[in-house]
Amino acid sequence: MRIGWTPPPSLRALLQTLGTLLACGLGLLVLHRLGVQVCLLKKMTGYPCPACGTMRATVALLRGDVSGALHLQPLMVSLMLLAVPVGGGYAVSAVLFRRVPRVHLTRAETRVAVVVAVLLLILNWIWLIRHDVCPPLSRADAARVERETRGVGIGGDVAPAFVGEQPLGREAADEC
């Protein structure tokens, strides 16, 4: 691994990126507050995606409940908490020194980083399922989702959330 220095991106590029991220975040927050479920994996299968609970964890984090946020979504909250000092250091470096650090990884280091990231994502997903952070949809919720998403997807097909009377691989859960 080698750390080098490069000129910072233009202010316009930074503002465009920040504006896009803020607009997406605000849009998701509004949808979340309206009770709209935006997770397609959970909508289609009834099971949480690896990022399930991130919005609730972010709200808990903004309220100062770090332990509650970590319980809801340990990986994403850890990344958010890490992003604050790293982003701050990046900004200070860009303003004071007019250059920013850039990490150069070898191919082997890149492979290791990808494997570690995938393992962390899988472990986070197991955590979410085992701790029932985002429980599977109930039969009533599955029926409502099927009605709402009819005609959505490839060729109008929507993957069923349940086979027969039971959800895929788990017992029926109470309301979400």
C-alpha atoms as a PDB file:
ATOM      1  CA  MET A   1       0.000   0.000   0.000  1.00  0.00           C
ATOM      2  CA  ARG A   2       1.236   3.405  -0.930  1.00  0.00           C
ATOM      3  CA  ILE A   3      -0.214   6.771   0.014  1.00  0.00           C
ATOM      4  CA  GLY A   4       0.276   9.621  -2.407  1.00  0.00           C
ATOM      5  CA  TRP A   5      -0.967  13.169  -2.693  1.00  0.00           C
ATOM      6  CA  THR A   6      -3.135  14.532  -5.479  1.00  0.00           C
ATOM      7  CA  PRO A   7      -4.881  17.844  -6.121  1.00  0.00           C
ATOM      8  CA  PRO A   8      -8.385  17.930  -4.635  1.00  0.00           C
ATOM      9  CA  PRO A   9     -11.414  17.613  -6.893  1.00  0.00           C
ATOM     10  CA  SER A  10     -12.987  20.870  -8.045  1.00  0.00           C
ATOM     11  CA  LEU A  11     -15.426  22.614  -5.732  1.00  0.00           C
ATOM     12  CA  ARG A  12     -18.123  22.207  -8.359  1.00  0.00           C
ATOM     13  CA  ALA A  13     -17.652  18.418  -8.455  1.00  0.00           C
ATOM     14  CA  LEU A  14     -17.748  18.224  -4.657  1.00  0.00           C
ATOM     15  CA  LEU A  15     -20.911  20.325  -4.446  1.00  0.00           C
ATOM     16  CA  GLN A  16     -22.614  18.261  -7.162  1.00  0.00           C
ATOM     17  CA  THR A  17     -21.764  15.027  -5.351  1.00  0.00           C
ATOM     18  CA  LEU A  18     -22.858  16.395  -1.987  1.00  0.00           C
ATOM     19  CA  GLY A  19     -26.074  17.797  -3.458  1.00  0.00           C
ATOM     20  CA  THR A  20     -26.903  14.473  -5.095  1.00  0.00           C
ATOM     21  CA  LEU A  21     -26.265  12.547  -1.878  1.00  0.00           C
ATOM     22  CA  LEU A  22     -28.349  14.992   0.154  1.00  0.00           C
ATOM     23  CA  ALA A  23     -31.222  14.884  -2.348  1.00  0.00           C
ATOM     24  CA  CYS A  24     -31.217  11.068  -2.321  1.00  0.00           C
ATOM     25  CA  GLY A  25     -31.049  10.981   1.462  1.00  0.00           C
ATOM     26  CA  LEU A  26     -33.873  13.490   1.858  1.00  0.00           C
ATOM     27  CA  GLY A  27     -35.970  11.612  -0.685  1.00  0.00           C
ATOM     28  CA  LEU A  28     -35.469   8.341   1.171  1.00  0.00           C
ATOM     29  CA  LEU A  29     -36.224  10.043   4.482  1.00  0.00           C
ATOM     30  CA  VAL A  30     -39.491  11.462   3.138  1.00  0.00           C
ATOM     31  CA  LEU A  31     -40.488   8.053   1.745  1.00  0.00           C
ATOM     32  CA  HIS A  32     -39.550   6.425   5.062  1.00  0.00           C
ATOM     33  CA  ARG A  33     -41.646   8.926   7.030  1.00  0.00           C
ATOM     34  CA  LEU A  34     -44.583   8.274   4.695  1.00  0.00           C
ATOM     35  CA  GLY A  35     -44.323   4.550   5.455  1.00  0.00           C
ATOM     36  CA  VAL A  36     -43.234   3.549   1.954  1.00  0.00           C
ATOM     37  CA  GLN A  37     -40.990   0.505   1.878  1.00  0.00           C
ATOM     38  CA  VAL A  38     -38.236   1.187  -0.644  1.00  0.00           C
ATOM     39  CA  CYS A  39     -36.205  -1.999  -0.184  1.00  0.00           C
ATOM     40  CA  LEU A  40     -36.900  -4.123  -3.265  1.00  0.00           C
ATOM     41  CA  LEU A  41     -35.325  -7.281  -1.803  1.00  0.00           C
ATOM     42  CA  LYS A  42     -37.593  -7.170   1.232  1.00  0.00           C
ATOM     43  CA  LYS A  43     -40.568  -6.248  -0.933  1.00  0.00           C
ATOM     44  CA  MET A  44     -39.974  -9.230  -3.207  1.00  0.00           C
ATOM     45  CA  THR A  45     -38.797 -11.904  -0.739  1.00  0.00           C
ATOM     46  CA  GLY A  46     -39.860 -10.686   2.701  1.00  0.00           C
ATOM     47  CA  TYR A  47     -36.284 -10.864   3.973  1.00  0.00           C
ATOM     48  CA  PRO A  48     -34.059  -7.902   4.798  1.00  0.00           C
ATOM     49  CA  CYS A  49     -31.326  -6.716   2.493  1.00  0.00           C
ATOM     50  CA  PRO A  50     -27.829  -6.214   3.962  1.00  0.00           C
ATOM     51  CA  ALA A  51     -28.571  -2.476   4.328  1.00  0.00           C
ATOM     52  CA  CYS A  52     -31.967  -2.953   6.001  1.00  0.00           C
ATOM     53  CA  GLY A  53     -32.432  -0.626   8.963  1.00  0.00           C
ATOM     54  CA  THR A  54     -29.922   1.974   7.783  1.00  0.00           C
ATOM     55  CA  MET A  55     -32.503   4.777   7.756  1.00  0.00           C
ATOM     56  CA  ARG A  56     -33.722   3.959  11.277  1.00  0.00           C
ATOM     57  CA  ALA A  57     -30.109   3.634  12.439  1.00  0.00           C
ATOM     58  CA  THR A  58     -29.277   7.027  10.927  1.00  0.00           C
ATOM     59  CA  VAL A  59     -32.217   8.625  12.717  1.00  0.00           C
ATOM     60  CA  ALA A  60     -31.123   6.970  15.995  1.00  0.00           C
ATOM     61  CA  LEU A  61     -27.567   8.200  15.423  1.00  0.00           C
ATOM     62  CA  LEU A  62     -28.772  11.757  14.784  1.00  0.00           C
ATOM     63  CA  ARG A  63     -30.723  11.579  18.056  1.00  0.00           C
ATOM     64  CA  GLY A  64     -27.525  10.558  19.862  1.00  0.00           C
ATOM     65  CA  ASP A  65     -28.471   6.902  20.432  1.00  0.00           C
ATOM     66  CA  VAL A  66     -25.225   5.300  19.229  1.00  0.00           C
ATOM     67  CA  SER A  67     -25.841   1.902  20.859  1.00  0.00           C
ATOM     68  CA  GLY A  68     -29.375   1.712  19.423  1.00  0.00           C
ATOM     69  CA  ALA A  69     -28.067   2.666  15.989  1.00  0.00           C
ATOM     70  CA  LEU A  70     -25.334   0.015  16.198  1.00  0.00           C
ATOM     71  CA  HIS A  71     -27.936  -2.602  17.149  1.00  0.00           C
ATOM     72  CA  LEU A  72     -30.090  -1.700  14.133  1.00  0.00           C
ATOM     73  CA  GLN A  73     -27.295  -1.641  11.540  1.00  0.00           C
ATOM     74  CA  PRO A  74     -23.773  -2.289  12.866  1.00  0.00           C
ATOM     75  CA  LEU A  75     -21.902  -2.134   9.549  1.00  0.00           C
ATOM     76  CA  MET A  76     -23.434   1.029   8.114  1.00  0.00           C
ATOM     77  CA  VAL A  77     -23.274   2.913  11.430  1.00  0.00           C
ATOM     78  CA  SER A  78     -19.609   1.941  11.832  1.00  0.00           C
ATOM     79  CA  LEU A  79     -18.943   3.250   8.321  1.00  0.00           C
ATOM     80  CA  MET A  80     -20.823   6.480   9.096  1.00  0.00           C
ATOM     81  CA  LEU A  81     -18.861   6.973  12.319  1.00  0.00           C
ATOM     82  CA  LEU A  82     -15.616   6.325  10.435  1.00  0.00           C
ATOM     83  CA  ALA A  83     -16.610   8.701   7.620  1.00  0.00           C
ATOM     84  CA  VAL A  84     -16.810  11.713   9.950  1.00  0.00           C
ATOM     85  CA  PRO A  85     -13.122  11.889  10.958  1.00  0.00           C
ATOM     86  CA  VAL A  86     -11.886  10.651   7.575  1.00  0.00           C
ATOM     87  CA  GLY A  87     -14.046  13.176   5.702  1.00  0.00           C
ATOM     88  CA  GLY A  88     -13.007  15.911   8.107  1.00  0.00           C
ATOM     89  CA  GLY A  89      -9.339  15.140   7.592  1.00  0.00           C
ATOM     90  CA  TYR A  90      -9.860  15.069   3.831  1.00  0.00           C
ATOM     91  CA  ALA A  91     -11.572  18.467   3.923  1.00  0.00           C
ATOM     92  CA  VAL A  92      -8.888  20.017   6.148  1.00  0.00           C
ATOM     93  CA  SER A  93      -6.163  18.653   3.887  1.00  0.00           C
ATOM     94  CA  ALA A  94      -7.896  20.002   0.783  1.00  0.00           C
ATOM     95  CA  VAL A  95      -8.367  23.480   2.259  1.00  0.00           C
ATOM     96  CA  LEU A  96      -5.038  23.911   4.086  1.00  0.00           C
ATOM     97  CA  PHE A  97      -2.642  22.041   1.816  1.00  0.00           C
ATOM     98  CA  ARG A  98      -4.494  22.139  -1.536  1.00  0.00           C
ATOM     99  CA  ARG A  99      -3.902  18.403  -1.906  1.00  0.00           C
ATOM    100  CA  VAL A 100      -5.569  15.270  -0.612  1.00  0.00           C
ATOM    101  CA  PRO A 101      -4.286  11.820   0.257  1.00  0.00           C
ATOM    102  CA  ARG A 102      -4.850   8.986  -2.193  1.00  0.00           C
ATOM    103  CA  VAL A 103      -4.311   5.346  -1.302  1.00  0.00           C
ATOM    104  CA  HIS A 104      -2.813   3.114  -3.995  1.00  0.00           C
ATOM    105  CA  LEU A 105      -3.352  -0.623  -3.470  1.00  0.00           C
ATOM    106  CA  THR A 106      -1.618  -3.471  -5.241  1.00  0.00           C
ATOM    107  CA  ARG A 107      -3.759  -6.132  -6.919  1.00  0.00           C
ATOM    108  CA  ALA A 108      -3.286  -8.503  -3.997  1.00  0.00           C
ATOM    109  CA  GLU A 109      -4.250  -5.809  -1.484  1.00  0.00           C
ATOM    110  CA  THR A 110      -7.315  -4.946  -3.562  1.00  0.00           C
ATOM    111  CA  ARG A 111      -8.397  -8.614  -3.564  1.00  0.00           C
ATOM    112  CA  VAL A 112      -7.968  -8.819   0.212  1.00  0.00           C
ATOM    113  CA  ALA A 113      -9.961  -5.601   0.665  1.00  0.00           C
ATOM    114  CA  VAL A 114     -12.795  -6.945  -1.509  1.00  0.00           C
ATOM    115  CA  VAL A 115     -12.885 -10.265   0.385  1.00  0.00           C
ATOM    116  CA  VAL A 116     -12.943  -8.452   3.740  1.00  0.00           C
ATOM    117  CA  ALA A 117     -15.729  -6.141   2.531  1.00  0.00           C
ATOM    118  CA  VAL A 118     -17.835  -9.076   1.309  1.00  0.00           C
ATOM    119  CA  LEU A 119     -17.300 -10.970   4.570  1.00  0.00           C
ATOM    120  CA  LEU A 120     -18.294  -7.917   6.611  1.00  0.00           C
ATOM    121  CA  LEU A 121     -21.415  -7.515   4.480  1.00  0.00           C
ATOM    122  CA  ILE A 122     -22.366 -11.182   4.968  1.00  0.00           C
ATOM    123  CA  LEU A 123     -21.743 -11.012   8.727  1.00  0.00           C
ATOM    124  CA  ASN A 124     -23.851  -7.850   8.920  1.00  0.00           C
ATOM    125  CA  TRP A 125     -26.649  -9.575   7.009  1.00  0.00           C
ATOM    126  CA  ILE A 126     -26.523 -12.563   9.381  1.00  0.00           C
ATOM    127  CA  TRP A 127     -26.697 -10.128  12.321  1.00  0.00           C
ATOM    128  CA  LEU A 128     -29.792  -8.453  10.866  1.00  0.00           C
ATOM    129  CA  ILE A 129     -31.579 -11.762  10.281  1.00  0.00           C
ATOM    130  CA  ARG A 130     -30.585 -13.358  13.626  1.00  0.00           C
ATOM    131  CA  HIS A 131     -31.534 -10.302  15.685  1.00  0.00           C
ATOM    132  CA  ASP A 132     -34.767  -9.833  13.729  1.00  0.00           C
ATOM    133  CA  VAL A 133     -33.955  -6.170  13.112  1.00  0.00           C
ATOM    134  CA  CYS A 134     -36.162  -6.210  10.003  1.00  0.00           C
ATOM    135  CA  PRO A 135     -38.546  -9.150  10.490  1.00  0.00           C
ATOM    136  CA  PRO A 136     -40.013 -10.915   7.452  1.00  0.00           C
ATOM    137  CA  LEU A 137     -43.319  -9.640   6.155  1.00  0.00           C
ATOM    138  CA  SER A 138     -46.498 -11.077   7.630  1.00  0.00           C
ATOM    139  CA  ARG A 139     -49.090 -12.657   5.348  1.00  0.00           C
ATOM    140  CA  ALA A 140     -51.178  -9.453   5.473  1.00  0.00           C
ATOM    141  CA  ASP A 141     -48.151  -7.307   4.584  1.00  0.00           C
ATOM    142  CA  ALA A 142     -47.154  -9.698   1.800  1.00  0.00           C
ATOM    143  CA  ALA A 143     -50.665  -9.510   0.314  1.00  0.00           C
ATOM    144  CA  ARG A 144     -50.625  -5.689   0.540  1.00  0.00           C
ATOM    145  CA  VAL A 145     -47.176  -5.526  -1.087  1.00  0.00           C
ATOM    146  CA  GLU A 146     -48.296  -7.882  -3.843  1.00  0.00           C
ATOM    147  CA  ARG A 147     -51.332  -5.686  -4.543  1.00  0.00           C
ATOM    148  CA  GLU A 148     -49.180  -2.535  -4.545  1.00  0.00           C
ATOM    149  CA  THR A 149     -46.454  -3.979  -6.770  1.00  0.00           C
ATOM    150  CA  ARG A 150     -48.677  -5.780  -9.269  1.00  0.00           C
ATOM    151  CA  GLY A 151     -47.293  -5.050 -12.698  1.00  0.00           C
ATOM    152  CA  VAL A 152     -43.891  -4.041 -11.311  1.00  0.00           C
ATOM    153  CA  GLY A 153     -40.814  -5.925 -12.412  1.00  0.00           C
ATOM    154  CA  ILE A 154     -39.736  -7.742 -15.521  1.00  0.00           C
ATOM    155  CA  GLY A 155     -42.772  -8.644 -17.561  1.00  0.00           C
ATOM    156  CA  GLY A 156     -45.105  -7.752 -14.690  1.00  0.00           C
ATOM    157  CA  ASP A 157     -43.916 -10.672 -12.568  1.00  0.00           C
ATOM    158  CA  VAL A 158     -43.355 -10.195  -8.857  1.00  0.00           C
ATOM    159  CA  ALA A 159     -41.488 -12.857  -6.898  1.00  0.00           C
ATOM    160  CA  PRO A 160     -43.773 -14.367  -4.252  1.00  0.00           C
ATOM    161  CA  ALA A 161     -42.938 -13.626  -0.621  1.00  0.00           C
ATOM    162  CA  PHE A 162     -44.460 -16.915   0.544  1.00  0.00           C
ATOM    163  CA  VAL A 163     -44.754 -20.458  -0.687  1.00  0.00           C
ATOM    164  CA  GLY A 164     -47.946 -22.047   0.517  1.00  0.00           C
ATOM    165  CA  GLU A 165     -48.758 -20.988   4.061  1.00  0.00           C
ATOM    166  CA  GLN A 166     -45.206 -20.298   5.296  1.00  0.00           C
ATOM    167  CA  PRO A 167     -42.696 -17.566   4.431  1.00  0.00           C
ATOM    168  CA  LEU A 168     -39.612 -18.832   2.630  1.00  0.00           C
ATOM    169  CA  GLY A 169     -37.473 -20.634   5.201  1.00  0.00           C
ATOM    170  CA  ARG A 170     -39.031 -19.069   8.305  1.00  0.00           C
ATOM    171  CA  GLU A 171     -42.193 -19.202  10.351  1.00  0.00           C
ATOM    172  CA  ALA A 172     -44.842 -16.540   9.897  1.00  0.00           C
ATOM    173  CA  ALA A 173     -43.946 -13.322  11.682  1.00  0.00           C
ATOM    174  CA  ASP A 174     -46.177 -10.756  13.308  1.00  0.00           C
ATOM    175  CA  GLU A 175     -46.691  -7.353  11.758  1.00  0.00           C
ATOM    176  CA  CYS A 176     -43.508  -5.573  10.730  1.00  0.00           C
END
